[in-house]
PDB file of N, CA and C in Angstrom:
ATOM      1  N   UNK A   1      10.896 -61.077-113.998  1.00  0.00           N
ATOM      2  CA  UNK A   1      12.112 -60.444-113.529  1.00  0.00           C
ATOM      3  C   UNK A   1      11.788 -59.308-112.551  1.00  0.00           C
ATOM      4  N   UNK A   2      10.766 -58.535-112.879  1.00  0.00           N
ATOM      5  CA  UNK A   2      10.412 -57.403-112.030  1.00  0.00           C
ATOM      6  C   UNK A   2       9.920 -57.890-110.670  1.00  0.00           C
ATOM      7  N   UNK A   3       9.167 -58.986-110.662  1.00  0.00           N
ATOM      8  CA  UNK A   3       8.648 -59.497-109.386  1.00  0.00           C
ATOM      9  C   UNK A   3       9.789 -59.954-108.483  1.00  0.00           C
ATOM     10  N   UNK A   4      10.805 -60.570-109.064  1.00  0.00           N
ATOM     11  CA  UNK A   4      11.945 -61.001-108.263  1.00  0.00           C
ATOM     12  C   UNK A   4      12.693 -59.800-107.689  1.00  0.00           C
ATOM     13  N   UNK A   5      12.818 -58.727-108.480  1.00  0.00           N
ATOM     14  CA  UNK A   5      13.482 -57.524-107.981  1.00  0.00           C
ATOM     15  C   UNK A   5      12.659 -56.828-106.900  1.00  0.00           C
ATOM     16  N   UNK A   6      11.344 -56.790-107.090  1.00  0.00           N
ATOM     17  CA  UNK A   6      10.466 -56.205-106.066  1.00  0.00           C
ATOM     18  C   UNK A   6      10.564 -57.028-104.783  1.00  0.00           C
ATOM     19  N   UNK A   7      10.574 -58.334-104.918  1.00  0.00           N
ATOM     20  CA  UNK A   7      10.707 -59.197-103.742  1.00  0.00           C
ATOM     21  C   UNK A   7      12.014 -58.977-103.020  1.00  0.00           C
ATOM     22  N   UNK A   8      13.097 -58.786-103.779  1.00  0.00           N
ATOM     23  CA  UNK A   8      14.397 -58.510-103.153  1.00  0.00           C
ATOM     24  C   UNK A   8      14.371 -57.182-102.417  1.00  0.00           C
ATOM     25  N   UNK A   9      13.749 -56.181-103.033  1.00  0.00           N
ATOM     26  CA  UNK A   9      13.628 -54.886-102.375  1.00  0.00           C
ATOM     27  C   UNK A   9      12.814 -54.959-101.100  1.00  0.00           C
ATOM     28  N   UNK A  10      11.745 -55.743-101.131  1.00  0.00           N
ATOM     29  CA  UNK A  10      10.929 -55.909 -99.929  1.00  0.00           C
ATOM     30  C   UNK A  10      11.698 -56.629 -98.822  1.00  0.00           C
ATOM     31  N   UNK A  11      12.520 -57.604 -99.197  1.00  0.00           N
ATOM     32  CA  UNK A  11      13.310 -58.301 -98.181  1.00  0.00           C
ATOM     33  C   UNK A  11      14.357 -57.372 -97.566  1.00  0.00           C
ATOM     34  N   UNK A  12      14.936 -56.482 -98.367  1.00  0.00           N
ATOM     35  CA  UNK A  12      15.877 -55.506 -97.819  1.00  0.00           C
ATOM     36  C   UNK A  12      15.154 -54.552 -96.877  1.00  0.00           C
ATOM     37  N   UNK A  13      13.959 -54.102 -97.277  1.00  0.00           N
ATOM     38  CA  UNK A  13      13.173 -53.222 -96.413  1.00  0.00           C
ATOM     39  C   UNK A  13      12.814 -53.926 -95.105  1.00  0.00           C
ATOM     40  N   UNK A  14      12.493 -55.208 -95.184  1.00  0.00           N
ATOM     41  CA  UNK A  14      12.169 -55.971 -93.976  1.00  0.00           C
ATOM     42  C   UNK A  14      13.385 -56.064 -93.055  1.00  0.00           C
ATOM     43  N   UNK A  15      14.553 -56.255 -93.629  1.00  0.00           N
ATOM     44  CA  UNK A  15      15.770 -56.325 -92.815  1.00  0.00           C
ATOM     45  C   UNK A  15      16.045 -55.001 -92.120  1.00  0.00           C
ATOM     46  N   UNK A  16      15.829 -53.896 -92.834  1.00  0.00           N
ATOM     47  CA  UNK A  16      16.039 -52.577 -92.235  1.00  0.00           C
ATOM     48  C   UNK A  16      15.040 -52.340 -91.100  1.00  0.00           C
ATOM     49  N   UNK A  17      13.778 -52.708 -91.321  1.00  0.00           N
ATOM     50  CA  UNK A  17      12.767 -52.558 -90.266  1.00  0.00           C
ATOM     51  C   UNK A  17      13.095 -53.430 -89.053  1.00  0.00           C
ATOM     52  N   UNK A  18      13.573 -54.647 -89.307  1.00  0.00           N
ATOM     53  CA  UNK A  18      13.900 -55.583 -88.230  1.00  0.00           C
ATOM     54  C   UNK A  18      15.025 -55.031 -87.360  1.00  0.00           C
ATOM     55  N   UNK A  19      16.066 -54.517 -88.010  1.00  0.00           N
ATOM     56  CA  UNK A  19      17.187 -53.947 -87.260  1.00  0.00           C
ATOM     57  C   UNK A  19      16.742 -52.667 -86.554  1.00  0.00           C
ATOM     58  N   UNK A  20      15.903 -51.877 -87.219  1.00  0.00           N
ATOM     59  CA  UNK A  20      15.407 -50.653 -86.605  1.00  0.00           C
ATOM     60  C   UNK A  20      14.633 -50.915 -85.332  1.00  0.00           C
ATOM     61  N   UNK A  21      13.904 -52.010 -85.298  1.00  0.00           N
ATOM     62  CA  UNK A  21      13.149 -52.390 -84.091  1.00  0.00           C
ATOM     63  C   UNK A  21      14.094 -52.551 -82.908  1.00  0.00           C
ATOM     64  N   UNK A  22      15.208 -53.250 -83.113  1.00  0.00           N
ATOM     65  CA  UNK A  22      16.164 -53.453 -82.030  1.00  0.00           C
ATOM     66  C   UNK A  22      16.924 -52.176 -81.693  1.00  0.00           C
ATOM     67  N   UNK A  23      17.189 -51.332 -82.691  1.00  0.00           N
ATOM     68  CA  UNK A  23      17.868 -50.067 -82.407  1.00  0.00           C
ATOM     69  C   UNK A  23      16.996 -49.143 -81.568  1.00  0.00           C
ATOM     70  N   UNK A  24      15.710 -49.075 -81.894  1.00  0.00           N
ATOM     71  CA  UNK A  24      14.796 -48.248 -81.102  1.00  0.00           C
ATOM     72  C   UNK A  24      14.711 -48.775 -79.670  1.00  0.00           C
ATOM     73  N   UNK A  25      14.631 -50.085 -79.521  1.00  0.00           N
ATOM     74  CA  UNK A  25      14.579 -50.671 -78.176  1.00  0.00           C
ATOM     75  C   UNK A  25      15.868 -50.381 -77.407  1.00  0.00           C
ATOM     76  N   UNK A  26      17.004 -50.414 -78.087  1.00  0.00           N
ATOM     77  CA  UNK A  26      18.279 -50.136 -77.416  1.00  0.00           C
ATOM     78  C   UNK A  26      18.359 -48.679 -76.974  1.00  0.00           C
ATOM     79  N   UNK A  27      17.878 -47.776 -77.815  1.00  0.00           N
ATOM     80  CA  UNK A  27      17.882 -46.363 -77.448  1.00  0.00           C
ATOM     81  C   UNK A  27      16.954 -46.120 -76.262  1.00  0.00           C
ATOM     82  N   UNK A  28      15.784 -46.725 -76.295  1.00  0.00           N
ATOM     83  CA  UNK A  28      14.850 -46.568 -75.170  1.00  0.00           C
ATOM     84  C   UNK A  28      15.421 -47.164 -73.884  1.00  0.00           C
ATOM     85  N   UNK A  29      16.094 -48.309 -73.987  1.00  0.00           N
ATOM     86  CA  UNK A  29      16.656 -48.958 -72.801  1.00  0.00           C
ATOM     87  C   UNK A  29      17.782 -48.129 -72.215  1.00  0.00           C
ATOM     88  N   UNK A  30      18.562 -47.497 -73.055  1.00  0.00           N
ATOM     89  CA  UNK A  30      19.672 -46.687 -72.563  1.00  0.00           C
ATOM     90  C   UNK A  30      19.219 -45.384 -71.928  1.00  0.00           C
ATOM     91  N   UNK A  31      18.011 -44.951 -72.175  1.00  0.00           N
ATOM     92  CA  UNK A  31      17.539 -43.679 -71.658  1.00  0.00           C
ATOM     93  C   UNK A  31      16.850 -43.739 -70.317  1.00  0.00           C
ATOM     94  N   UNK A  32      16.799 -44.898 -69.684  1.00  0.00           N
ATOM     95  CA  UNK A  32      16.091 -45.023 -68.414  1.00  0.00           C
ATOM     96  C   UNK A  32      16.946 -44.675 -67.206  1.00  0.00           C
ATOM     97  N   UNK A  33      18.202 -44.422 -67.392  1.00  0.00           N
ATOM     98  CA  UNK A  33      19.053 -44.030 -66.273  1.00  0.00           C
ATOM     99  C   UNK A  33      19.785 -45.206 -65.676  1.00  0.00           C
ATOM    100  N   UNK A  34      20.383 -44.983 -64.510  1.00  0.00           N
ATOM    101  CA  UNK A  34      21.232 -45.994 -63.884  1.00  0.00           C
ATOM    102  C   UNK A  34      20.499 -46.859 -62.867  1.00  0.00           C
ATOM    103  N   UNK A  35      19.226 -46.576 -62.596  1.00  0.00           N
ATOM    104  CA  UNK A  35      18.517 -47.359 -61.589  1.00  0.00           C
ATOM    105  C   UNK A  35      18.335 -48.810 -62.032  1.00  0.00           C
ATOM    106  N   UNK A  36      18.067 -48.998 -63.329  1.00  0.00           N
ATOM    107  CA  UNK A  36      17.838 -50.331 -63.877  1.00  0.00           C
ATOM    108  C   UNK A  36      18.894 -50.577 -64.947  1.00  0.00           C
ATOM    109  N   UNK A  37      19.568 -51.734 -64.926  1.00  0.00           N
ATOM    110  CA  UNK A  37      20.564 -51.994 -65.969  1.00  0.00           C
ATOM    111  C   UNK A  37      19.933 -51.972 -67.365  1.00  0.00           C
ATOM    112  N   UNK A  38      20.678 -51.458 -68.322  1.00  0.00           N
ATOM    113  CA  UNK A  38      20.160 -51.310 -69.683  1.00  0.00           C
ATOM    114  C   UNK A  38      19.831 -52.664 -70.312  1.00  0.00           C
ATOM    115  N   UNK A  39      20.609 -53.697 -69.998  1.00  0.00           N
ATOM    116  CA  UNK A  39      20.344 -55.014 -70.587  1.00  0.00           C
ATOM    117  C   UNK A  39      19.004 -55.561 -70.098  1.00  0.00           C
ATOM    118  N   UNK A  40      18.696 -55.359 -68.832  1.00  0.00           N
ATOM    119  CA  UNK A  40      17.412 -55.814 -68.293  1.00  0.00           C
ATOM    120  C   UNK A  40      16.269 -55.040 -68.945  1.00  0.00           C
ATOM    121  N   UNK A  41      16.444 -53.725 -69.061  1.00  0.00           N
ATOM    122  CA  UNK A  41      15.396 -52.892 -69.652  1.00  0.00           C
ATOM    123  C   UNK A  41      15.208 -53.230 -71.131  1.00  0.00           C
ATOM    124  N   UNK A  42      16.293 -53.557 -71.824  1.00  0.00           N
ATOM    125  CA  UNK A  42      16.225 -53.962 -73.235  1.00  0.00           C
ATOM    126  C   UNK A  42      15.359 -55.209 -73.381  1.00  0.00           C
ATOM    127  N   UNK A  43      15.581 -56.188 -72.513  1.00  0.00           N
ATOM    128  CA  UNK A  43      14.767 -57.404 -72.544  1.00  0.00           C
ATOM    129  C   UNK A  43      13.315 -57.143 -72.200  1.00  0.00           C
ATOM    130  N   UNK A  44      13.086 -56.239 -71.263  1.00  0.00           N
ATOM    131  CA  UNK A  44      11.715 -55.892 -70.885  1.00  0.00           C
ATOM    132  C   UNK A  44      10.989 -55.223 -72.045  1.00  0.00           C
ATOM    133  N   UNK A  45      11.686 -54.347 -72.750  1.00  0.00           N
ATOM    134  CA  UNK A  45      11.069 -53.650 -73.887  1.00  0.00           C
ATOM    135  C   UNK A  45      10.730 -54.649 -74.991  1.00  0.00           C
ATOM    136  N   UNK A  46      11.652 -55.538 -75.302  1.00  0.00           N
ATOM    137  CA  UNK A  46      11.419 -56.484 -76.397  1.00  0.00           C
ATOM    138  C   UNK A  46      10.386 -57.546 -76.041  1.00  0.00           C
ATOM    139  N   UNK A  47      10.209 -57.838 -74.771  1.00  0.00           N
ATOM    140  CA  UNK A  47       9.223 -58.856 -74.386  1.00  0.00           C
ATOM    141  C   UNK A  47       7.804 -58.303 -74.354  1.00  0.00           C
ATOM    142  N   UNK A  48       7.651 -57.003 -74.525  1.00  0.00           N
ATOM    143  CA  UNK A  48       6.327 -56.419 -74.595  1.00  0.00           C
ATOM    144  C   UNK A  48       5.737 -56.025 -73.267  1.00  0.00           C
ATOM    145  N   UNK A  49       6.558 -55.941 -72.216  1.00  0.00           N
ATOM    146  CA  UNK A  49       6.052 -55.591 -70.897  1.00  0.00           C
ATOM    147  C   UNK A  49       5.980 -54.080 -70.686  1.00  0.00           C
ATOM    148  N   UNK A  50       6.311 -53.302 -71.693  1.00  0.00           N
ATOM    149  CA  UNK A  50       6.282 -51.849 -71.563  1.00  0.00           C
ATOM    150  C   UNK A  50       5.307 -51.265 -72.583  1.00  0.00           C
ATOM    151  N   UNK A  51       5.266 -49.956 -72.636  1.00  0.00           N
ATOM    152  CA  UNK A  51       4.352 -49.265 -73.542  1.00  0.00           C
ATOM    153  C   UNK A  51       4.831 -49.368 -74.991  1.00  0.00           C
ATOM    154  N   UNK A  52       6.123 -49.632 -75.199  1.00  0.00           N
ATOM    155  CA  UNK A  52       6.677 -49.692 -76.552  1.00  0.00           C
ATOM    156  C   UNK A  52       5.967 -50.760 -77.377  1.00  0.00           C
ATOM    157  N   UNK A  53       5.503 -50.389 -78.536  1.00  0.00           N
ATOM    158  CA  UNK A  53       4.767 -51.304 -79.409  1.00  0.00           C
ATOM    159  C   UNK A  53       5.736 -52.041 -80.326  1.00  0.00           C
ATOM    160  N   UNK A  54       5.421 -53.271 -80.619  1.00  0.00           N
ATOM    161  CA  UNK A  54       6.263 -54.055 -81.519  1.00  0.00           C
ATOM    162  C   UNK A  54       5.707 -54.038 -82.945  1.00  0.00           C
ATOM    163  N   UNK A  55       5.038 -52.959 -83.315  1.00  0.00           N
ATOM    164  CA  UNK A  55       4.462 -52.865 -84.659  1.00  0.00           C
ATOM    165  C   UNK A  55       5.542 -52.893 -85.732  1.00  0.00           C
ATOM    166  N   UNK A  56       6.705 -52.335 -85.442  1.00  0.00           N
ATOM    167  CA  UNK A  56       7.800 -52.348 -86.418  1.00  0.00           C
ATOM    168  C   UNK A  56       8.252 -53.782 -86.658  1.00  0.00           C
ATOM    169  N   UNK A  57       8.359 -54.556 -85.595  1.00  0.00           N
ATOM    170  CA  UNK A  57       8.771 -55.955 -85.747  1.00  0.00           C
ATOM    171  C   UNK A  57       7.739 -56.746 -86.541  1.00  0.00           C
ATOM    172  N   UNK A  58       6.469 -56.565 -86.209  1.00  0.00           N
ATOM    173  CA  UNK A  58       5.408 -57.281 -86.929  1.00  0.00           C
ATOM    174  C   UNK A  58       5.381 -56.888 -88.398  1.00  0.00           C
ATOM    175  N   UNK A  59       5.564 -55.598 -88.687  1.00  0.00           N
ATOM    176  CA  UNK A  59       5.601 -55.141 -90.071  1.00  0.00           C
ATOM    177  C   UNK A  59       6.785 -55.731 -90.811  1.00  0.00           C
ATOM    178  N   UNK A  60       7.930 -55.829 -90.156  1.00  0.00           N
ATOM    179  CA  UNK A  60       9.109 -56.390 -90.822  1.00  0.00           C
ATOM    180  C   UNK A  60       8.900 -57.861 -91.171  1.00  0.00           C
ATOM    181  N   UNK A  61       8.235 -58.596 -90.301  1.00  0.00           N
ATOM    182  CA  UNK A  61       7.964 -60.006 -90.590  1.00  0.00           C
ATOM    183  C   UNK A  61       7.009 -60.133 -91.778  1.00  0.00           C
ATOM    184  N   UNK A  62       5.963 -59.334 -91.794  1.00  0.00           N
ATOM    185  CA  UNK A  62       4.993 -59.396 -92.893  1.00  0.00           C
ATOM    186  C   UNK A  62       5.643 -58.999 -94.216  1.00  0.00           C
ATOM    187  N   UNK A  63       6.412 -57.904 -94.198  1.00  0.00           N
ATOM    188  CA  UNK A  63       7.082 -57.446 -95.425  1.00  0.00           C
ATOM    189  C   UNK A  63       8.097 -58.484 -95.900  1.00  0.00           C
ATOM    190  N   UNK A  64       8.790 -59.125 -94.972  1.00  0.00           N
ATOM    191  CA  UNK A  64       9.745 -60.171 -95.346  1.00  0.00           C
ATOM    192  C   UNK A  64       9.076 -61.364 -96.007  1.00  0.00           C
ATOM    193  N   UNK A  65       7.959 -61.786 -95.460  1.00  0.00           N
ATOM    194  CA  UNK A  65       7.226 -62.917 -96.046  1.00  0.00           C
ATOM    195  C   UNK A  65       6.707 -62.564 -97.431  1.00  0.00           C
ATOM    196  N   UNK A  66       6.147 -61.359 -97.575  1.00  0.00           N
ATOM    197  CA  UNK A  66       5.666 -60.926 -98.890  1.00  0.00           C
ATOM    198  C   UNK A  66       6.823 -60.835 -99.876  1.00  0.00           C
ATOM    199  N   UNK A  67       7.977 -60.349 -99.421  1.00  0.00           N
ATOM    200  CA  UNK A  67       9.149 -60.273-100.288  1.00  0.00           C
ATOM    201  C   UNK A  67       9.620 -61.638-100.760  1.00  0.00           C
ATOM    202  N   UNK A  68       9.625 -62.605 -99.862  1.00  0.00           N
ATOM    203  CA  UNK A  68      10.018 -63.965-100.237  1.00  0.00           C
ATOM    204  C   UNK A  68       9.034 -64.544-101.252  1.00  0.00           C
ATOM    205  N   UNK A  69       7.746 -64.333-101.011  1.00  0.00           N
ATOM    206  CA  UNK A  69       6.738 -64.847-101.949  1.00  0.00           C
ATOM    207  C   UNK A  69       6.868 -64.193-103.331  1.00  0.00           C
ATOM    208  N   UNK A  70       7.093 -62.879-103.360  1.00  0.00           N
ATOM    209  CA  UNK A  70       7.278 -62.200-104.640  1.00  0.00           C
ATOM    210  C   UNK A  70       8.519 -62.722-105.359  1.00  0.00           C
ATOM    211  N   UNK A  71       9.592 -62.942-104.623  1.00  0.00           N
ATOM    212  CA  UNK A  71      10.816 -63.453-105.245  1.00  0.00           C
ATOM    213  C   UNK A  71      10.599 -64.843-105.838  1.00  0.00           C
ATOM    214  N   UNK A  72       9.945 -65.705-105.086  1.00  0.00           N
ATOM    215  CA  UNK A  72       9.677 -67.061-105.580  1.00  0.00           C
ATOM    216  C   UNK A  72       8.777 -67.008-106.803  1.00  0.00           C
ATOM    217  N   UNK A  73       7.748 -66.170-106.756  1.00  0.00           N
ATOM    218  CA  UNK A  73       6.837 -66.022-107.882  1.00  0.00           C
ATOM    219  C   UNK A  73       7.577 -65.518-109.118  1.00  0.00           C
ATOM    220  N   UNK A  74       8.441 -64.541-108.953  1.00  0.00           N
ATOM    221  CA  UNK A  74       9.217 -64.014-110.069  1.00  0.00           C
ATOM    222  C   UNK A  74      10.179 -65.036-110.650  1.00  0.00           C
ATOM    223  N   UNK A  75      10.817 -65.811-109.799  1.00  0.00           N
ATOM    224  CA  UNK A  75      11.759 -66.830-110.273  1.00  0.00           C
ATOM    225  C   UNK A  75      11.020 -67.925-111.030  1.00  0.00           C
ATOM    226  N   UNK A  76       9.863 -68.341-110.514  1.00  0.00           N
ATOM    227  CA  UNK A  76       9.077 -69.371-111.201  1.00  0.00           C
ATOM    228  C   UNK A  76       8.618 -68.873-112.560  1.00  0.00           C
ATOM    229  N   UNK A  77       8.149 -67.625-112.637  1.00  0.00           N
ATOM    230  CA  UNK A  77       7.727 -67.080-113.946  1.00  0.00           C
ATOM    231  C   UNK A  77       8.891 -66.964-114.909  1.00  0.00           C
ATOM    232  N   UNK A  78      10.044 -66.606-114.411  1.00  0.00           N
ATOM    233  CA  UNK A  78      11.228 -66.474-115.275  1.00  0.00           C
ATOM    234  C   UNK A  78      11.629 -67.846-115.846  1.00  0.00           C
ATOM    235  N   UNK A  79      11.527 -68.872-115.060  1.00  0.00           N
ATOM    236  CA  UNK A  79      11.924 -70.202-115.536  1.00  0.00           C
ATOM    237  C   UNK A  79      10.930 -70.776-116.544  1.00  0.00           C
ATOM    238  N   UNK A  80       9.668 -70.350-116.470  1.00  0.00           N
ATOM    239  CA  UNK A  80       8.669 -70.835-117.420  1.00  0.00           C
ATOM    240  C   UNK A  80       8.892 -70.260-118.819  1.00  0.00           C
ATOM    241  N   UNK A  81       9.410 -69.053-118.876  1.00  0.00           N
ATOM    242  CA  UNK A  81       9.566 -68.378-120.180  1.00  0.00           C
ATOM    243  C   UNK A  81      10.772 -68.883-120.922  1.00  0.00           C
TER     244      UNK A  81
END
């Protein structure tokens, strides 16, 4: 039971990190001024052509996968008992 709850918590954390990645990119894109449209700059930031690192996105994917595995492991153990 605890493993399933930990897995659910990790999946929620992954979702927050995933959304945070796009929010940070949106804030950075909006701060470049009027010379370049914000939508173009947003795409440039997310594609990795700028200094902005996608470590938050990579961490969210890893945490999400670990959360799913923990949830599956917890559910399987619960059904065995």
